[in-house]
Every structure is written in structure tokens, then in C-alpha cells.
Amino acid sequence: MAEDFALNNPSPPASLRGVRFPDCANSSKKRSRNRRFSEAELNYFYALLDEPLTPYDCGRLCAPKNGGEPFCCSVDNAVPMLYREEFRYLSRRTELWRRWKPKTATDKKMKKEDETRILIFCECKGVKHCERHNRSIGCRTFPLEPYFNEKGEFVGLIFMKEFCNKCPLIHRLDDIQQSVIDKHYRFWQIMLALKPDELELYKSTSRGWRISAKKRGVPLPVLYPSKNARAGTD
């Protein structure tokens, strides 16, 4: 039942109740293209995304081939992007995070081109100093992102294409917990409704995945939410 899904999830603040894509996307787009999150909303997102992807420490799968450090915990592999209000929020809670300072010409170019008035590059002190309750949204959702089918419908989650050959979980899809898939799906329902600027990005990456999978003759690594999650209530 849909009620079961609601009971197993944190309760959203009043500002997020009933918010989901695509129901609110058009009205949100008309109101603002940069909906900033409140502290209560960020608290809810962190609670919703708190459960680990797998019942075991997946970092142990890739760490041996990455100098003893999980692949996703090194800025040499992936630099986290935080919402500006999220960085301010975390800065009040902890000294774990700081603005990322690029060292190479390539990195400086990436920072200049990719940072926006909404998102900024940041880095933490590293896996040895990790504070799991202070991980960013990007850390919690990695390596998954929304997947849109050919009809443009948000139907599930898929691996970030640029990291699919580096994260071993792509070969262990069954290890990713259904409860986590459901919660991440709910998160993106809200995010896509309130940040419509990101819609075209994910529709484009989904198209790229389909083209690539068709050329290679392999199935798409899509993770689908449960029926209850799709019909979930707040």
C-alpha cells in the first residue's frame, strides 16, 4: 500500500507536502527558476537520502584499485557540486566542507564554465574525516541520477554515464536496496519539480544512454521504483 511507503520515510516540511514532478513542474517554472531550499527542506533531503545504497560498505569494492580510497571520495575523480544554500547550511553545521580550489588549467576552466548562480564546486576533508551526517546531496545520490524514457517520463534512476565504468556497483545492480531506490526517486520527484532548469540536462543524458546502449547491444541499467513509491503520499 502507498501508506507503507509513507510510514517508512521521514515526514517532509509543510513547504514540500504534495510537491512532486511533473505535477508542480510547470507552476514552479513560472514562479522561479532558482528555488532556494530552506534549512527545514535540506534537513528533510538529508534524512530521506541517509540510507546507504547497499547493505555493505560499497567503498570497499573500488578502494583497492584507487589507492585505498573509494572512487567517489576523491576530487581527483569527481568534484562534488553543492547548491549554494546547501554549502552555507553545511558551513553552519561543520568544518568538513570548503570551496574547491582548482590547481590545473583544465580544472580552472571547468570551474569557470560549470559553476552557476545555483551550484558551486566544493570539497571535503576526505574519506578519513568523513562525517556521514554532513555528506552533501551529491554525495548521497552518487552515482545515480534521474532517467527519462523516450516519452519524456521520469521512470527511474540510472548510473551517471561518465562514471559507469568506474563504479563497480553497475555490475551489482541487485545489491542496491529497493528502499533506497524508492527514497531517491521521491527526492528527484521534488527536485525536478522545484528546479525545472535541470530537466533538460537529465533528459539529454537519458537520450545519450539509450543511444550508447543500443550501439553496444546492452540493456539500460535502470533502477525502477516500487509501485508504492510511484504512488507514495507525504
C-alpha atoms as a PDB file:
ATOM      1  CA  MET A   1       0.000   0.000   0.000  1.00  0.00           C
ATOM      2  CA  ALA A   2       1.092   3.592  -0.582  1.00  0.00           C
ATOM      3  CA  GLU A   3       0.710   4.219   3.146  1.00  0.00           C
ATOM      4  CA  ASP A   4       3.536   1.744   3.819  1.00  0.00           C
ATOM      5  CA  PHE A   5       5.890   3.831   1.716  1.00  0.00           C
ATOM      6  CA  ALA A   6       4.931   6.981   3.635  1.00  0.00           C
ATOM      7  CA  LEU A   7       5.430   5.301   7.009  1.00  0.00           C
ATOM      8  CA  ASN A   8       8.981   4.247   6.112  1.00  0.00           C
ATOM      9  CA  ASN A   9      10.071   7.755   5.130  1.00  0.00           C
ATOM     10  CA  PRO A  10      10.764  10.973   7.038  1.00  0.00           C
ATOM     11  CA  SER A  11       7.933  13.456   7.115  1.00  0.00           C
ATOM     12  CA  PRO A  12       8.502  16.440   4.802  1.00  0.00           C
ATOM     13  CA  PRO A  13       8.096  20.032   5.972  1.00  0.00           C
ATOM     14  CA  ALA A  14       4.839  21.750   5.068  1.00  0.00           C
ATOM     15  CA  SER A  15       6.517  23.544   2.136  1.00  0.00           C
ATOM     16  CA  LEU A  16       7.218  20.225   0.385  1.00  0.00           C
ATOM     17  CA  ARG A  17       3.996  18.346   1.035  1.00  0.00           C
ATOM     18  CA  GLY A  18       2.337  17.355  -2.200  1.00  0.00           C
ATOM     19  CA  VAL A  19       5.282  18.564  -4.280  1.00  0.00           C
ATOM     20  CA  ARG A  20       6.263  16.106  -6.994  1.00  0.00           C
ATOM     21  CA  PHE A  21       7.228  16.056 -10.641  1.00  0.00           C
ATOM     22  CA  PRO A  22       5.542  16.533 -13.057  1.00  0.00           C
ATOM     23  CA  ASP A  23       2.528  17.885 -11.148  1.00  0.00           C
ATOM     24  CA  CYS A  24       4.285  21.012  -9.893  1.00  0.00           C
ATOM     25  CA  ALA A  25       6.922  21.478 -12.592  1.00  0.00           C
ATOM     26  CA  ASN A  26       5.018  23.927 -14.772  1.00  0.00           C
ATOM     27  CA  SER A  27       3.823  26.116 -11.917  1.00  0.00           C
ATOM     28  CA  SER A  28       7.293  26.038 -10.359  1.00  0.00           C
ATOM     29  CA  LYS A  29       8.840  27.068 -13.653  1.00  0.00           C
ATOM     30  CA  LYS A  30       6.548  30.071 -13.816  1.00  0.00           C
ATOM     31  CA  ARG A  31       7.296  31.082 -10.194  1.00  0.00           C
ATOM     32  CA  SER A  32      11.073  30.821 -10.249  1.00  0.00           C
ATOM     33  CA  ARG A  33      13.916  29.086 -11.997  1.00  0.00           C
ATOM     34  CA  ASN A  34      16.028  29.105  -8.854  1.00  0.00           C
ATOM     35  CA  ARG A  35      14.007  27.843  -5.916  1.00  0.00           C
ATOM     36  CA  ARG A  36      16.285  28.061  -2.899  1.00  0.00           C
ATOM     37  CA  PHE A  37      15.882  25.460  -0.196  1.00  0.00           C
ATOM     38  CA  SER A  38      15.228  26.290   3.435  1.00  0.00           C
ATOM     39  CA  GLU A  39      17.072  24.657   6.319  1.00  0.00           C
ATOM     40  CA  ALA A  40      13.993  22.539   7.096  1.00  0.00           C
ATOM     41  CA  GLU A  41      13.886  21.322   3.489  1.00  0.00           C
ATOM     42  CA  LEU A  42      17.587  20.459   3.458  1.00  0.00           C
ATOM     43  CA  ASN A  43      17.145  18.581   6.735  1.00  0.00           C
ATOM     44  CA  TYR A  44      14.389  16.567   5.078  1.00  0.00           C
ATOM     45  CA  PHE A  45      16.507  15.803   1.999  1.00  0.00           C
ATOM     46  CA  TYR A  46      19.384  14.629   4.172  1.00  0.00           C
ATOM     47  CA  ALA A  47      17.078  12.372   6.175  1.00  0.00           C
ATOM     48  CA  LEU A  48      15.486  10.991   3.002  1.00  0.00           C
ATOM     49  CA  LEU A  49      18.894  10.239   1.463  1.00  0.00           C
ATOM     50  CA  ASP A  50      20.559   8.921   4.605  1.00  0.00           C
ATOM     51  CA  GLU A  51      20.275   5.186   3.890  1.00  0.00           C
ATOM     52  CA  PRO A  52      23.347   3.634   2.192  1.00  0.00           C
ATOM     53  CA  LEU A  53      22.896   2.252  -1.314  1.00  0.00           C
ATOM     54  CA  THR A  54      23.884  -1.267  -0.303  1.00  0.00           C
ATOM     55  CA  PRO A  55      23.694  -3.278   2.933  1.00  0.00           C
ATOM     56  CA  TYR A  56      27.512  -3.316   2.932  1.00  0.00           C
ATOM     57  CA  ASP A  57      30.199  -0.653   2.556  1.00  0.00           C
ATOM     58  CA  CYS A  58      30.369  -0.348  -1.233  1.00  0.00           C
ATOM     59  CA  GLY A  59      33.549   1.742  -0.940  1.00  0.00           C
ATOM     60  CA  ARG A  60      35.451  -1.448  -0.249  1.00  0.00           C
ATOM     61  CA  LEU A  61      34.752  -2.614  -3.797  1.00  0.00           C
ATOM     62  CA  CYS A  62      36.648   0.192  -5.525  1.00  0.00           C
ATOM     63  CA  ALA A  63      39.092   1.387  -2.850  1.00  0.00           C
ATOM     64  CA  PRO A  64      41.762  -1.292  -3.532  1.00  0.00           C
ATOM     65  CA  LYS A  65      42.136  -0.022  -7.115  1.00  0.00           C
ATOM     66  CA  ASN A  66      42.052   3.642  -6.099  1.00  0.00           C
ATOM     67  CA  GLY A  67      44.884   3.947  -3.614  1.00  0.00           C
ATOM     68  CA  GLY A  68      42.789   2.670  -0.732  1.00  0.00           C
ATOM     69  CA  GLU A  69      40.194   5.414  -1.150  1.00  0.00           C
ATOM     70  CA  PRO A  70      36.658   4.944  -2.536  1.00  0.00           C
ATOM     71  CA  PHE A  71      36.444   6.298  -6.074  1.00  0.00           C
ATOM     72  CA  CYS A  72      33.674   8.780  -5.297  1.00  0.00           C
ATOM     73  CA  CYS A  73      35.510  10.201  -2.262  1.00  0.00           C
ATOM     74  CA  SER A  74      38.388  11.707  -4.243  1.00  0.00           C
ATOM     75  CA  VAL A  75      38.191  15.080  -6.011  1.00  0.00           C
ATOM     76  CA  ASP A  76      40.724  13.686  -8.471  1.00  0.00           C
ATOM     77  CA  ASN A  77      37.829  11.568  -9.793  1.00  0.00           C
ATOM     78  CA  ALA A  78      34.705  13.604  -9.076  1.00  0.00           C
ATOM     79  CA  VAL A  79      34.322  17.089  -7.600  1.00  0.00           C
ATOM     80  CA  PRO A  80      31.051  17.484  -5.681  1.00  0.00           C
ATOM     81  CA  MET A  81      28.699  20.291  -6.667  1.00  0.00           C
ATOM     82  CA  LEU A  82      26.638  21.776  -3.864  1.00  0.00           C
ATOM     83  CA  TYR A  83      23.697  24.113  -4.011  1.00  0.00           C
ATOM     84  CA  ARG A  84      24.889  27.478  -2.730  1.00  0.00           C
ATOM     85  CA  GLU A  85      22.373  27.458   0.097  1.00  0.00           C
ATOM     86  CA  GLU A  86      23.441  23.902   0.927  1.00  0.00           C
ATOM     87  CA  PHE A  87      27.074  25.000   1.295  1.00  0.00           C
ATOM     88  CA  ARG A  88      26.013  27.792   3.667  1.00  0.00           C
ATOM     89  CA  TYR A  89      23.864  25.305   5.581  1.00  0.00           C
ATOM     90  CA  LEU A  90      26.739  22.833   5.958  1.00  0.00           C
ATOM     91  CA  SER A  91      29.183  25.592   6.888  1.00  0.00           C
ATOM     92  CA  ARG A  92      26.995  26.343   9.908  1.00  0.00           C
ATOM     93  CA  ARG A  93      26.985  22.681  10.930  1.00  0.00           C
ATOM     94  CA  THR A  94      30.558  21.595  10.334  1.00  0.00           C
ATOM     95  CA  GLU A  95      34.063  22.486   9.190  1.00  0.00           C
ATOM     96  CA  LEU A  96      34.104  19.485   6.857  1.00  0.00           C
ATOM     97  CA  TRP A  97      33.454  21.432   3.621  1.00  0.00           C
ATOM     98  CA  ARG A  98      35.208  24.225   1.753  1.00  0.00           C
ATOM     99  CA  ARG A  99      35.104  25.772  -1.703  1.00  0.00           C
ATOM    100  CA  TRP A 100      37.125  23.744  -4.214  1.00  0.00           C
ATOM    101  CA  LYS A 101      40.349  25.362  -5.414  1.00  0.00           C
ATOM    102  CA  PRO A 102      41.369  24.021  -8.842  1.00  0.00           C
ATOM    103  CA  LYS A 103      45.081  23.551  -9.474  1.00  0.00           C
ATOM    104  CA  THR A 104      45.353  22.735 -13.178  1.00  0.00           C
ATOM    105  CA  ALA A 105      44.347  24.760 -16.207  1.00  0.00           C
ATOM    106  CA  THR A 106      41.752  22.131 -17.083  1.00  0.00           C
ATOM    107  CA  ASP A 107      40.206  22.291 -13.617  1.00  0.00           C
ATOM    108  CA  LYS A 108      40.181  26.092 -13.628  1.00  0.00           C
ATOM    109  CA  LYS A 109      38.381  26.029 -16.966  1.00  0.00           C
ATOM    110  CA  MET A 110      35.833  23.532 -15.600  1.00  0.00           C
ATOM    111  CA  LYS A 111      35.179  25.683 -12.549  1.00  0.00           C
ATOM    112  CA  LYS A 112      34.719  28.804 -14.666  1.00  0.00           C
ATOM    113  CA  GLU A 113      32.372  27.116 -17.137  1.00  0.00           C
ATOM    114  CA  ASP A 114      30.348  24.843 -14.870  1.00  0.00           C
ATOM    115  CA  GLU A 115      29.751  26.823 -11.688  1.00  0.00           C
ATOM    116  CA  THR A 116      26.474  28.741 -11.708  1.00  0.00           C
ATOM    117  CA  ARG A 117      24.440  31.020  -9.510  1.00  0.00           C
ATOM    118  CA  ILE A 118      22.812  27.832  -8.225  1.00  0.00           C
ATOM    119  CA  LEU A 119      25.670  25.297  -7.940  1.00  0.00           C
ATOM    120  CA  ILE A 120      29.305  25.546  -6.829  1.00  0.00           C
ATOM    121  CA  PHE A 121      32.201  23.097  -6.649  1.00  0.00           C
ATOM    122  CA  CYS A 122      33.217  22.082  -3.126  1.00  0.00           C
ATOM    123  CA  GLU A 123      35.456  19.542  -1.475  1.00  0.00           C
ATOM    124  CA  CYS A 124      35.527  17.860   1.908  1.00  0.00           C
ATOM    125  CA  LYS A 125      38.455  16.841   4.093  1.00  0.00           C
ATOM    126  CA  GLY A 126      38.452  13.335   2.632  1.00  0.00           C
ATOM    127  CA  VAL A 127      37.187   9.887   3.493  1.00  0.00           C
ATOM    128  CA  LYS A 128      39.339   9.588   6.626  1.00  0.00           C
ATOM    129  CA  HIS A 129      37.497  12.564   8.100  1.00  0.00           C
ATOM    130  CA  CYS A 130      34.044  11.757   6.742  1.00  0.00           C
ATOM    131  CA  GLU A 131      31.037  12.857   8.787  1.00  0.00           C
ATOM    132  CA  ARG A 132      28.259  10.821   7.227  1.00  0.00           C
ATOM    133  CA  HIS A 133      25.512  13.020   8.635  1.00  0.00           C
ATOM    134  CA  ASN A 134      27.171  16.004   6.924  1.00  0.00           C
ATOM    135  CA  ARG A 135      27.554  14.473   3.464  1.00  0.00           C
ATOM    136  CA  SER A 136      26.215  16.640   0.661  1.00  0.00           C
ATOM    137  CA  ILE A 137      23.212  15.814  -1.506  1.00  0.00           C
ATOM    138  CA  GLY A 138      25.645  14.990  -4.321  1.00  0.00           C
ATOM    139  CA  CYS A 139      27.499  12.519  -2.110  1.00  0.00           C
ATOM    140  CA  ARG A 140      24.276  10.853  -1.056  1.00  0.00           C
ATOM    141  CA  THR A 141      22.850  10.452  -4.557  1.00  0.00           C
ATOM    142  CA  PHE A 142      26.089   9.432  -6.329  1.00  0.00           C
ATOM    143  CA  PRO A 143      26.316   7.582  -8.716  1.00  0.00           C
ATOM    144  CA  LEU A 144      22.611   7.714  -9.604  1.00  0.00           C
ATOM    145  CA  GLU A 145      20.580  10.319 -11.481  1.00  0.00           C
ATOM    146  CA  PRO A 146      17.054  10.538 -12.936  1.00  0.00           C
ATOM    147  CA  TYR A 147      16.212   8.513 -16.025  1.00  0.00           C
ATOM    148  CA  PHE A 148      13.611   9.722 -18.561  1.00  0.00           C
ATOM    149  CA  ASN A 149      12.164   7.303 -21.104  1.00  0.00           C
ATOM    150  CA  GLU A 150      11.571   8.045 -24.787  1.00  0.00           C
ATOM    151  CA  LYS A 151       8.241   9.683 -23.923  1.00  0.00           C
ATOM    152  CA  GLY A 152       9.999  12.125 -21.617  1.00  0.00           C
ATOM    153  CA  GLU A 153       8.607  10.469 -18.495  1.00  0.00           C
ATOM    154  CA  PHE A 154      10.630  10.240 -15.290  1.00  0.00           C
ATOM    155  CA  VAL A 155      10.501   6.495 -14.676  1.00  0.00           C
ATOM    156  CA  GLY A 156      13.513   5.593 -12.545  1.00  0.00           C
ATOM    157  CA  LEU A 157      17.193   6.050 -11.779  1.00  0.00           C
ATOM    158  CA  ILE A 158      20.276   5.316 -13.835  1.00  0.00           C
ATOM    159  CA  PHE A 159      24.034   5.454 -13.320  1.00  0.00           C
ATOM    160  CA  MET A 160      25.779   8.697 -14.185  1.00  0.00           C
ATOM    161  CA  LYS A 161      27.166   7.745 -17.578  1.00  0.00           C
ATOM    162  CA  GLU A 162      30.609   9.295 -17.105  1.00  0.00           C
ATOM    163  CA  PHE A 163      31.222   7.112 -14.048  1.00  0.00           C
ATOM    164  CA  CYS A 164      29.535   3.855 -15.076  1.00  0.00           C
ATOM    165  CA  ASN A 165      32.826   2.166 -15.970  1.00  0.00           C
ATOM    166  CA  LYS A 166      34.463   3.241 -12.729  1.00  0.00           C
ATOM    167  CA  CYS A 167      31.824   2.391 -10.131  1.00  0.00           C
ATOM    168  CA  PRO A 168      31.649  -1.409  -9.583  1.00  0.00           C
ATOM    169  CA  LEU A 169      28.036  -1.205  -8.461  1.00  0.00           C
ATOM    170  CA  ILE A 170      26.947  -1.069 -12.091  1.00  0.00           C
ATOM    171  CA  HIS A 171      27.723  -4.803 -12.155  1.00  0.00           C
ATOM    172  CA  ARG A 172      25.856  -5.315  -8.864  1.00  0.00           C
ATOM    173  CA  LEU A 173      22.508  -3.681  -9.505  1.00  0.00           C
ATOM    174  CA  ASP A 174      20.712  -6.267  -7.396  1.00  0.00           C
ATOM    175  CA  ASP A 175      22.744  -5.135  -4.373  1.00  0.00           C
ATOM    176  CA  ILE A 176      21.186  -1.670  -4.418  1.00  0.00           C
ATOM    177  CA  GLN A 177      18.377  -1.692  -1.889  1.00  0.00           C
ATOM    178  CA  GLN A 178      14.839  -1.126  -3.153  1.00  0.00           C
ATOM    179  CA  SER A 179      14.091   1.131  -0.193  1.00  0.00           C
ATOM    180  CA  VAL A 180      16.961   3.378  -1.301  1.00  0.00           C
ATOM    181  CA  ILE A 181      15.739   3.453  -4.910  1.00  0.00           C
ATOM    182  CA  ASP A 182      12.295   4.480  -3.676  1.00  0.00           C
ATOM    183  CA  LYS A 183      13.647   7.273  -1.491  1.00  0.00           C
ATOM    184  CA  HIS A 184      15.949   8.604  -4.201  1.00  0.00           C
ATOM    185  CA  TYR A 185      13.038   8.541  -6.640  1.00  0.00           C
ATOM    186  CA  ARG A 186      10.962  10.576  -4.189  1.00  0.00           C
ATOM    187  CA  PHE A 187      13.830  13.042  -3.772  1.00  0.00           C
ATOM    188  CA  TRP A 188      14.093  13.578  -7.515  1.00  0.00           C
ATOM    189  CA  GLN A 189      10.323  13.978  -7.806  1.00  0.00           C
ATOM    190  CA  ILE A 190      10.688  17.003  -5.547  1.00  0.00           C
ATOM    191  CA  MET A 191      13.938  18.271  -7.030  1.00  0.00           C
ATOM    192  CA  LEU A 192      12.693  18.178 -10.617  1.00  0.00           C
ATOM    193  CA  ALA A 193       9.519  19.979  -9.618  1.00  0.00           C
ATOM    194  CA  LEU A 194      11.387  22.773  -7.842  1.00  0.00           C
ATOM    195  CA  LYS A 195      14.470  23.008 -10.067  1.00  0.00           C
ATOM    196  CA  PRO A 196      12.984  22.756 -13.589  1.00  0.00           C
ATOM    197  CA  ASP A 197      16.240  24.088 -15.068  1.00  0.00           C
ATOM    198  CA  GLU A 198      17.698  20.608 -14.533  1.00  0.00           C
ATOM    199  CA  LEU A 199      15.039  18.813 -16.574  1.00  0.00           C
ATOM    200  CA  GLU A 200      16.631  19.177 -19.988  1.00  0.00           C
ATOM    201  CA  LEU A 201      20.011  18.083 -18.636  1.00  0.00           C
ATOM    202  CA  TYR A 202      18.664  14.746 -17.434  1.00  0.00           C
ATOM    203  CA  LYS A 203      16.507  14.197 -20.495  1.00  0.00           C
ATOM    204  CA  SER A 204      19.629  14.717 -22.601  1.00  0.00           C
ATOM    205  CA  THR A 205      21.758  12.300 -20.563  1.00  0.00           C
ATOM    206  CA  SER A 206      18.956   9.727 -20.756  1.00  0.00           C
ATOM    207  CA  ARG A 207      18.939  10.020 -24.559  1.00  0.00           C
ATOM    208  CA  GLY A 208      22.715   9.577 -24.559  1.00  0.00           C
ATOM    209  CA  TRP A 209      22.373   6.417 -22.501  1.00  0.00           C
ATOM    210  CA  ARG A 210      19.813   4.933 -24.905  1.00  0.00           C
ATOM    211  CA  ILE A 211      21.993   5.668 -27.926  1.00  0.00           C
ATOM    212  CA  SER A 212      25.067   4.175 -26.259  1.00  0.00           C
ATOM    213  CA  ALA A 213      23.252   1.065 -25.015  1.00  0.00           C
ATOM    214  CA  LYS A 214      21.709   0.437 -28.440  1.00  0.00           C
ATOM    215  CA  LYS A 215      25.078   0.685 -30.189  1.00  0.00           C
ATOM    216  CA  ARG A 216      26.671  -1.735 -27.740  1.00  0.00           C
ATOM    217  CA  GLY A 217      23.688  -4.058 -27.628  1.00  0.00           C
ATOM    218  CA  VAL A 218      23.396  -3.950 -23.848  1.00  0.00           C
ATOM    219  CA  PRO A 219      20.399  -3.299 -21.576  1.00  0.00           C
ATOM    220  CA  LEU A 220      19.965   0.022 -19.833  1.00  0.00           C
ATOM    221  CA  PRO A 221      20.978  -0.138 -16.144  1.00  0.00           C
ATOM    222  CA  VAL A 222      17.740   1.468 -14.963  1.00  0.00           C
ATOM    223  CA  LEU A 223      16.579   1.081 -11.371  1.00  0.00           C
ATOM    224  CA  TYR A 224      12.814   1.333 -11.079  1.00  0.00           C
ATOM    225  CA  PRO A 225      10.902   2.491  -8.002  1.00  0.00           C
ATOM    226  CA  SER A 226       8.297   0.256  -6.460  1.00  0.00           C
ATOM    227  CA  LYS A 227       4.645   0.776  -7.299  1.00  0.00           C
ATOM    228  CA  ASN A 228       4.098   2.152  -3.810  1.00  0.00           C
ATOM    229  CA  ALA A 229       6.878   4.704  -4.245  1.00  0.00           C
ATOM    230  CA  ARG A 230       5.440   5.956  -7.536  1.00  0.00           C
ATOM    231  CA  ALA A 231       2.073   6.436  -5.840  1.00  0.00           C
ATOM    232  CA  GLY A 232       3.582   7.428  -2.492  1.00  0.00           C
ATOM    233  CA  THR A 233       1.936  10.043  -0.300  1.00  0.00           C
ATOM    234  CA  ASP A 234       3.537  12.591   2.018  1.00  0.00           C
END
